[in-house]
PDB file of N, CA and C in Angstrom:
ATOM      1  N   UNK A   1      -1.369 433.491  -4.221  1.00  0.00           N
ATOM      2  CA  UNK A   1      -1.466 433.724  -2.811  1.00  0.00           C
ATOM      3  C   UNK A   1      -1.642 432.393  -1.886  1.00  0.00           C
ATOM      4  N   UNK A   2      -1.129 432.601  -0.970  1.00  0.00           N
ATOM      5  CA  UNK A   2      -1.066 431.152   0.006  1.00  0.00           C
ATOM      6  C   UNK A   2      -2.162 431.556   1.066  1.00  0.00           C
ATOM      7  N   UNK A   3      -2.297 430.030   1.440  1.00  0.00           N
ATOM      8  CA  UNK A   3      -3.410 430.153   2.642  1.00  0.00           C
ATOM      9  C   UNK A   3      -2.907 430.413   3.904  1.00  0.00           C
ATOM     10  N   UNK A   4      -3.508 430.614   4.863  1.00  0.00           N
ATOM     11  CA  UNK A   4      -2.852 431.302   6.118  1.00  0.00           C
ATOM     12  C   UNK A   4      -2.771 429.753   6.549  1.00  0.00           C
ATOM     13  N   UNK A   5      -1.839 429.690   7.762  1.00  0.00           N
ATOM     14  CA  UNK A   5      -1.632 428.208   8.426  1.00  0.00           C
ATOM     15  C   UNK A   5      -2.779 428.198   9.622  1.00  0.00           C
ATOM     16  N   UNK A   6      -3.082 426.794   9.560  1.00  0.00           N
ATOM     17  CA  UNK A   6      -3.862 426.708  10.741  1.00  0.00           C
ATOM     18  C   UNK A   6      -3.414 425.550  11.652  1.00  0.00           C
ATOM     19  N   UNK A   7      -3.808 425.712  12.691  1.00  0.00           N
ATOM     20  CA  UNK A   7      -3.422 424.626  13.656  1.00  0.00           C
ATOM     21  C   UNK A   7      -3.962 423.319  13.345  1.00  0.00           C
ATOM     22  N   UNK A   8      -3.219 422.181  13.578  1.00  0.00           N
ATOM     23  CA  UNK A   8      -3.952 421.078  13.433  1.00  0.00           C
ATOM     24  C   UNK A   8      -4.943 420.551  14.407  1.00  0.00           C
ATOM     25  N   UNK A   9      -5.504 419.733  13.966  1.00  0.00           N
ATOM     26  CA  UNK A   9      -6.666 419.094  14.935  1.00  0.00           C
ATOM     27  C   UNK A   9      -5.907 418.259  16.021  1.00  0.00           C
ATOM     28  N   UNK A  10      -6.461 418.612  17.334  1.00  0.00           N
ATOM     29  CA  UNK A  10      -6.018 417.828  18.559  1.00  0.00           C
ATOM     30  C   UNK A  10      -6.253 416.480  18.182  1.00  0.00           C
ATOM     31  N   UNK A  11      -7.172 415.674  17.626  1.00  0.00           N
ATOM     32  CA  UNK A  11      -7.206 414.485  17.379  1.00  0.00           C
ATOM     33  C   UNK A  11      -6.311 413.612  16.418  1.00  0.00           C
ATOM     34  N   UNK A  12      -5.866 414.234  15.458  1.00  0.00           N
ATOM     35  CA  UNK A  12      -4.621 413.807  14.606  1.00  0.00           C
ATOM     36  C   UNK A  12      -3.459 413.922  15.303  1.00  0.00           C
ATOM     37  N   UNK A  13      -2.951 414.943  16.181  1.00  0.00           N
ATOM     38  CA  UNK A  13      -1.907 415.107  16.946  1.00  0.00           C
ATOM     39  C   UNK A  13      -1.979 413.711  17.733  1.00  0.00           C
ATOM     40  N   UNK A  14      -3.119 413.692  18.620  1.00  0.00           N
ATOM     41  CA  UNK A  14      -3.086 412.821  19.607  1.00  0.00           C
ATOM     42  C   UNK A  14      -3.030 411.416  19.096  1.00  0.00           C
ATOM     43  N   UNK A  15      -3.709 411.156  17.904  1.00  0.00           N
ATOM     44  CA  UNK A  15      -3.390 409.797  17.192  1.00  0.00           C
ATOM     45  C   UNK A  15      -2.166 409.644  16.664  1.00  0.00           C
ATOM     46  N   UNK A  16      -1.444 410.695  16.243  1.00  0.00           N
ATOM     47  CA  UNK A  16       0.056 410.404  15.687  1.00  0.00           C
ATOM     48  C   UNK A  16       1.164 409.917  17.078  1.00  0.00           C
ATOM     49  N   UNK A  17       0.607 410.787  18.190  1.00  0.00           N
ATOM     50  CA  UNK A  17       1.306 410.381  19.152  1.00  0.00           C
ATOM     51  C   UNK A  17       1.314 409.191  19.621  1.00  0.00           C
ATOM     52  N   UNK A  18      -0.006 408.652  19.748  1.00  0.00           N
ATOM     53  CA  UNK A  18      -0.420 407.338  20.276  1.00  0.00           C
ATOM     54  C   UNK A  18       0.124 406.166  19.256  1.00  0.00           C
ATOM     55  N   UNK A  19      -0.090 406.341  18.052  1.00  0.00           N
ATOM     56  CA  UNK A  19       0.660 405.266  17.203  1.00  0.00           C
ATOM     57  C   UNK A  19       2.236 405.318  17.326  1.00  0.00           C
ATOM     58  N   UNK A  20       2.571 406.468  17.379  1.00  0.00           N
ATOM     59  CA  UNK A  20       4.147 406.185  17.644  1.00  0.00           C
ATOM     60  C   UNK A  20       4.609 405.593  19.118  1.00  0.00           C
ATOM     61  N   UNK A  21       3.962 405.937  19.981  1.00  0.00           N
ATOM     62  CA  UNK A  21       3.991 405.303  21.232  1.00  0.00           C
ATOM     63  C   UNK A  21       4.053 403.497  21.129  1.00  0.00           C
ATOM     64  N   UNK A  22       2.826 403.376  20.365  1.00  0.00           N
ATOM     65  CA  UNK A  22       2.653 402.073  20.190  1.00  0.00           C
ATOM     66  C   UNK A  22       3.733 401.160  18.970  1.00  0.00           C
ATOM     67  N   UNK A  23       4.062 401.613  18.162  1.00  0.00           N
ATOM     68  CA  UNK A  23       5.047 401.229  17.166  1.00  0.00           C
ATOM     69  C   UNK A  23       6.480 400.917  18.076  1.00  0.00           C
ATOM     70  N   UNK A  24       6.570 402.033  18.851  1.00  0.00           N
ATOM     71  CA  UNK A  24       7.895 402.248  19.534  1.00  0.00           C
ATOM     72  C   UNK A  24       7.766 400.700  20.545  1.00  0.00           C
ATOM     73  N   UNK A  25       6.622 400.591  21.227  1.00  0.00           N
ATOM     74  CA  UNK A  25       6.696 399.607  22.256  1.00  0.00           C
ATOM     75  C   UNK A  25       6.527 398.113  21.546  1.00  0.00           C
ATOM     76  N   UNK A  26       5.936 398.008  20.507  1.00  0.00           N
ATOM     77  CA  UNK A  26       6.089 396.729  19.425  1.00  0.00           C
ATOM     78  C   UNK A  26       7.558 396.400  19.238  1.00  0.00           C
ATOM     79  N   UNK A  27       8.107 397.682  18.542  1.00  0.00           N
ATOM     80  CA  UNK A  27       9.568 397.491  18.423  1.00  0.00           C
ATOM     81  C   UNK A  27      10.378 396.868  19.421  1.00  0.00           C
ATOM     82  N   UNK A  28      10.229 397.605  20.849  1.00  0.00           N
ATOM     83  CA  UNK A  28      10.937 397.048  21.845  1.00  0.00           C
ATOM     84  C   UNK A  28      10.646 395.902  22.310  1.00  0.00           C
ATOM     85  N   UNK A  29       9.600 395.261  22.169  1.00  0.00           N
ATOM     86  CA  UNK A  29       9.153 394.020  22.465  1.00  0.00           C
ATOM     87  C   UNK A  29       9.571 393.105  21.619  1.00  0.00           C
ATOM     88  N   UNK A  30       9.551 393.205  20.128  1.00  0.00           N
ATOM     89  CA  UNK A  30      10.103 392.444  19.131  1.00  0.00           C
ATOM     90  C   UNK A  30      11.526 392.268  19.575  1.00  0.00           C
ATOM     91  N   UNK A  31      11.968 393.014  19.386  1.00  0.00           N
ATOM     92  CA  UNK A  31      13.750 393.044  19.444  1.00  0.00           C
ATOM     93  C   UNK A  31      14.182 392.319  20.770  1.00  0.00           C
ATOM     94  N   UNK A  32      13.596 392.875  22.065  1.00  0.00           N
ATOM     95  CA  UNK A  32      14.108 392.101  23.022  1.00  0.00           C
ATOM     96  C   UNK A  32      13.496 390.446  23.138  1.00  0.00           C
ATOM     97  N   UNK A  33      12.382 390.182  22.701  1.00  0.00           N
ATOM     98  CA  UNK A  33      12.227 388.916  22.764  1.00  0.00           C
ATOM     99  C   UNK A  33      12.943 388.082  21.809  1.00  0.00           C
ATOM    100  N   UNK A  34      13.282 388.503  20.572  1.00  0.00           N
ATOM    101  CA  UNK A  34      13.815 387.973  19.412  1.00  0.00           C
ATOM    102  C   UNK A  34      15.414 387.863  19.815  1.00  0.00           C
ATOM    103  N   UNK A  35      15.810 388.742  20.665  1.00  0.00           N
ATOM    104  CA  UNK A  35      17.269 388.753  21.052  1.00  0.00           C
ATOM    105  C   UNK A  35      17.474 387.804  22.206  1.00  0.00           C
ATOM    106  N   UNK A  36      16.574 387.534  23.192  1.00  0.00           N
ATOM    107  CA  UNK A  36      16.480 386.981  24.334  1.00  0.00           C
ATOM    108  C   UNK A  36      16.293 385.375  24.039  1.00  0.00           C
ATOM    109  N   UNK A  37      15.471 385.058  22.911  1.00  0.00           N
ATOM    110  CA  UNK A  37      15.173 383.821  22.686  1.00  0.00           C
ATOM    111  C   UNK A  37      15.662 383.441  20.885  1.00  0.00           C
ATOM    112  N   UNK A  38      16.717 383.624  20.628  1.00  0.00           N
ATOM    113  CA  UNK A  38      16.938 383.431  19.140  1.00  0.00           C
ATOM    114  C   UNK A  38      16.802 381.943  18.765  1.00  0.00           C
ATOM    115  N   UNK A  39      16.764 380.773  19.672  1.00  0.00           N
ATOM    116  CA  UNK A  39      16.771 379.591  19.126  1.00  0.00           C
ATOM    117  C   UNK A  39      15.169 379.425  18.569  1.00  0.00           C
ATOM    118  N   UNK A  40      14.225 379.992  19.455  1.00  0.00           N
ATOM    119  CA  UNK A  40      12.856 380.081  18.967  1.00  0.00           C
ATOM    120  C   UNK A  40      12.364 380.605  17.714  1.00  0.00           C
ATOM    121  N   UNK A  41      13.291 381.677  17.275  1.00  0.00           N
ATOM    122  CA  UNK A  41      12.883 382.650  16.218  1.00  0.00           C
ATOM    123  C   UNK A  41      13.606 381.796  14.892  1.00  0.00           C
ATOM    124  N   UNK A  42      14.650 380.938  14.973  1.00  0.00           N
ATOM    125  CA  UNK A  42      15.729 379.905  14.010  1.00  0.00           C
ATOM    126  C   UNK A  42      16.248 380.978  12.834  1.00  0.00           C
ATOM    127  N   UNK A  43      16.138 380.649  11.993  1.00  0.00           N
ATOM    128  CA  UNK A  43      16.724 381.409  10.994  1.00  0.00           C
ATOM    129  C   UNK A  43      16.329 382.864  10.632  1.00  0.00           C
ATOM    130  N   UNK A  44      15.247 383.088  10.829  1.00  0.00           N
ATOM    131  CA  UNK A  44      14.743 384.531  10.609  1.00  0.00           C
ATOM    132  C   UNK A  44      14.643 385.476  11.930  1.00  0.00           C
ATOM    133  N   UNK A  45      15.373 385.251  13.020  1.00  0.00           N
ATOM    134  CA  UNK A  45      15.732 385.871  14.108  1.00  0.00           C
ATOM    135  C   UNK A  45      16.533 387.199  13.657  1.00  0.00           C
ATOM    136  N   UNK A  46      17.392 387.330  12.965  1.00  0.00           N
ATOM    137  CA  UNK A  46      17.898 388.409  12.610  1.00  0.00           C
ATOM    138  C   UNK A  46      16.931 389.478  11.837  1.00  0.00           C
ATOM    139  N   UNK A  47      16.039 388.959  11.309  1.00  0.00           N
ATOM    140  CA  UNK A  47      15.112 389.807  10.340  1.00  0.00           C
ATOM    141  C   UNK A  47      14.119 390.335  11.411  1.00  0.00           C
ATOM    142  N   UNK A  48      13.694 389.545  12.186  1.00  0.00           N
ATOM    143  CA  UNK A  48      13.016 390.036  13.304  1.00  0.00           C
ATOM    144  C   UNK A  48      13.563 391.325  13.887  1.00  0.00           C
ATOM    145  N   UNK A  49      14.788 391.062  14.421  1.00  0.00           N
ATOM    146  CA  UNK A  49      15.461 392.228  15.143  1.00  0.00           C
ATOM    147  C   UNK A  49      15.246 393.665  14.103  1.00  0.00           C
ATOM    148  N   UNK A  50      15.795 393.296  12.880  1.00  0.00           N
ATOM    149  CA  UNK A  50      15.541 394.215  11.855  1.00  0.00           C
ATOM    150  C   UNK A  50      14.398 395.175  11.788  1.00  0.00           C
ATOM    151  N   UNK A  51      13.536 394.378  11.937  1.00  0.00           N
ATOM    152  CA  UNK A  51      12.116 394.839  11.991  1.00  0.00           C
ATOM    153  C   UNK A  51      11.790 395.603  13.111  1.00  0.00           C
ATOM    154  N   UNK A  52      12.180 395.199  13.968  1.00  0.00           N
ATOM    155  CA  UNK A  52      12.025 395.560  15.162  1.00  0.00           C
ATOM    156  C   UNK A  52      12.675 397.085  15.457  1.00  0.00           C
ATOM    157  N   UNK A  53      13.881 397.088  15.208  1.00  0.00           N
ATOM    158  CA  UNK A  53      14.654 398.391  15.053  1.00  0.00           C
ATOM    159  C   UNK A  53      13.811 399.385  14.185  1.00  0.00           C
ATOM    160  N   UNK A  54      13.520 399.079  13.149  1.00  0.00           N
ATOM    161  CA  UNK A  54      12.817 400.000  12.107  1.00  0.00           C
ATOM    162  C   UNK A  54      11.660 400.518  12.590  1.00  0.00           C
ATOM    163  N   UNK A  55      10.697 399.468  13.447  1.00  0.00           N
ATOM    164  CA  UNK A  55       9.531 399.950  14.113  1.00  0.00           C
ATOM    165  C   UNK A  55       9.984 401.068  15.188  1.00  0.00           C
ATOM    166  N   UNK A  56      10.997 400.577  15.881  1.00  0.00           N
ATOM    167  CA  UNK A  56      11.414 401.754  17.042  1.00  0.00           C
ATOM    168  C   UNK A  56      11.867 403.021  16.422  1.00  0.00           C
ATOM    169  N   UNK A  57      12.366 402.946  15.271  1.00  0.00           N
ATOM    170  CA  UNK A  57      13.006 404.004  14.547  1.00  0.00           C
ATOM    171  C   UNK A  57      11.636 405.020  14.177  1.00  0.00           C
ATOM    172  N   UNK A  58      10.523 404.397  13.365  1.00  0.00           N
ATOM    173  CA  UNK A  58       9.420 404.771  13.019  1.00  0.00           C
ATOM    174  C   UNK A  58       8.505 405.653  14.167  1.00  0.00           C
ATOM    175  N   UNK A  59       8.533 404.766  15.422  1.00  0.00           N
ATOM    176  CA  UNK A  59       7.820 404.954  16.408  1.00  0.00           C
ATOM    177  C   UNK A  59       8.561 406.624  16.878  1.00  0.00           C
ATOM    178  N   UNK A  60       9.655 406.491  17.119  1.00  0.00           N
ATOM    179  CA  UNK A  60      10.484 407.824  17.649  1.00  0.00           C
ATOM    180  C   UNK A  60      10.166 408.834  16.739  1.00  0.00           C
ATOM    181  N   UNK A  61      10.284 408.426  15.463  1.00  0.00           N
ATOM    182  CA  UNK A  61      10.009 409.968  14.424  1.00  0.00           C
ATOM    183  C   UNK A  61       8.637 410.404  14.556  1.00  0.00           C
ATOM    184  N   UNK A  62       7.835 409.392  14.816  1.00  0.00           N
ATOM    185  CA  UNK A  62       6.219 409.683  14.925  1.00  0.00           C
ATOM    186  C   UNK A  62       6.134 410.630  16.506  1.00  0.00           C
ATOM    187  N   UNK A  63       6.792 410.173  17.433  1.00  0.00           N
ATOM    188  CA  UNK A  63       6.658 410.862  18.631  1.00  0.00           C
ATOM    189  C   UNK A  63       7.462 412.200  18.881  1.00  0.00           C
ATOM    190  N   UNK A  64       8.540 412.231  18.300  1.00  0.00           N
ATOM    191  CA  UNK A  64       9.035 413.785  18.041  1.00  0.00           C
ATOM    192  C   UNK A  64       8.644 414.614  17.154  1.00  0.00           C
ATOM    193  N   UNK A  65       7.987 413.928  16.148  1.00  0.00           N
ATOM    194  CA  UNK A  65       7.348 414.937  14.978  1.00  0.00           C
ATOM    195  C   UNK A  65       6.631 416.012  15.254  1.00  0.00           C
ATOM    196  N   UNK A  66       6.537 417.045  14.575  1.00  0.00           N
ATOM    197  CA  UNK A  66       5.667 418.418  14.899  1.00  0.00           C
ATOM    198  C   UNK A  66       4.800 418.300  13.948  1.00  0.00           C
ATOM    199  N   UNK A  67       3.539 418.339  13.787  1.00  0.00           N
ATOM    200  CA  UNK A  67       2.358 418.360  13.024  1.00  0.00           C
ATOM    201  C   UNK A  67       2.294 419.703  12.743  1.00  0.00           C
ATOM    202  N   UNK A  68       2.334 420.149  11.317  1.00  0.00           N
ATOM    203  CA  UNK A  68       2.025 421.473  11.194  1.00  0.00           C
ATOM    204  C   UNK A  68       0.737 421.429  10.044  1.00  0.00           C
TER     205      UNK A  68
END
Protein backbone atom coordinates (compact mmCIF):
# COMPACT_ATOMS: atom_id res chain seq x y z
CA UNK A 1 0.00 0.00 0.00
CA UNK A 2 1.22 3.44 -0.79
CA UNK A 3 0.83 6.43 1.43
CA UNK A 4 -1.54 9.15 0.32
CA UNK A 5 0.21 12.25 -0.99
CA UNK A 6 0.37 15.18 1.35
CA UNK A 7 1.05 18.78 0.55
CA UNK A 8 4.53 20.03 1.48
CA UNK A 9 4.84 22.45 4.34
CA UNK A 10 4.69 26.09 3.33
CA UNK A 11 7.94 26.84 5.16
CA UNK A 12 9.86 24.25 3.16
CA UNK A 13 8.58 25.59 -0.16
CA UNK A 14 9.27 29.17 0.91
CA UNK A 15 12.81 28.32 2.05
CA UNK A 16 13.48 26.51 -1.23
CA UNK A 17 12.38 29.52 -3.30
CA UNK A 18 14.36 31.97 -1.15
CA UNK A 19 17.48 29.78 -1.42
CA UNK A 20 16.98 29.66 -5.20
CA UNK A 21 16.71 33.45 -5.43
CA UNK A 22 19.78 33.83 -3.21
CA UNK A 23 21.88 31.41 -5.29
CA UNK A 24 20.70 33.05 -8.51
CA UNK A 25 21.62 36.52 -7.21
CA UNK A 26 25.06 35.45 -5.97
CA UNK A 27 25.74 33.73 -9.30
CA UNK A 28 24.74 36.82 -11.29
CA UNK A 29 26.91 39.11 -9.15
CA UNK A 30 29.90 36.74 -9.23
CA UNK A 31 29.71 36.29 -13.00
CA UNK A 32 29.19 39.99 -13.70
CA UNK A 33 31.97 41.22 -11.44
CA UNK A 34 34.45 38.64 -12.71
CA UNK A 35 33.59 39.37 -16.34
CA UNK A 36 33.76 43.15 -15.81
CA UNK A 37 37.09 43.17 -13.94
CA UNK A 38 39.07 40.17 -15.23
CA UNK A 39 42.48 41.57 -14.24
CA UNK A 40 41.57 41.61 -10.56
CA UNK A 41 40.60 37.91 -10.61
CA UNK A 42 43.80 36.98 -12.43
CA UNK A 43 44.29 33.41 -13.60
CA UNK A 44 41.26 32.06 -11.70
CA UNK A 45 38.83 34.41 -13.46
CA UNK A 46 37.39 31.74 -15.77
CA UNK A 47 36.91 29.45 -12.76
CA UNK A 48 34.86 32.14 -10.99
CA UNK A 49 32.75 32.64 -14.10
CA UNK A 50 32.08 28.89 -14.32
CA UNK A 51 31.15 28.77 -10.62
CA UNK A 52 28.85 31.77 -11.14
CA UNK A 53 27.08 30.07 -14.05
CA UNK A 54 26.66 26.88 -12.00
CA UNK A 55 25.14 28.91 -9.14
CA UNK A 56 22.78 30.59 -11.60
CA UNK A 57 21.69 27.19 -12.93
CA UNK A 58 21.09 25.78 -9.43
CA UNK A 59 19.16 28.90 -8.48
CA UNK A 60 16.89 28.65 -11.52
CA UNK A 61 16.30 24.96 -10.85
CA UNK A 62 15.31 25.69 -7.24
CA UNK A 63 13.05 28.55 -8.30
CA UNK A 64 11.13 26.59 -10.94
CA UNK A 65 11.09 23.23 -9.14
CA UNK A 66 7.78 22.03 -7.83
CA UNK A 67 8.03 20.50 -4.37
CA UNK A 68 5.90 17.41 -3.90
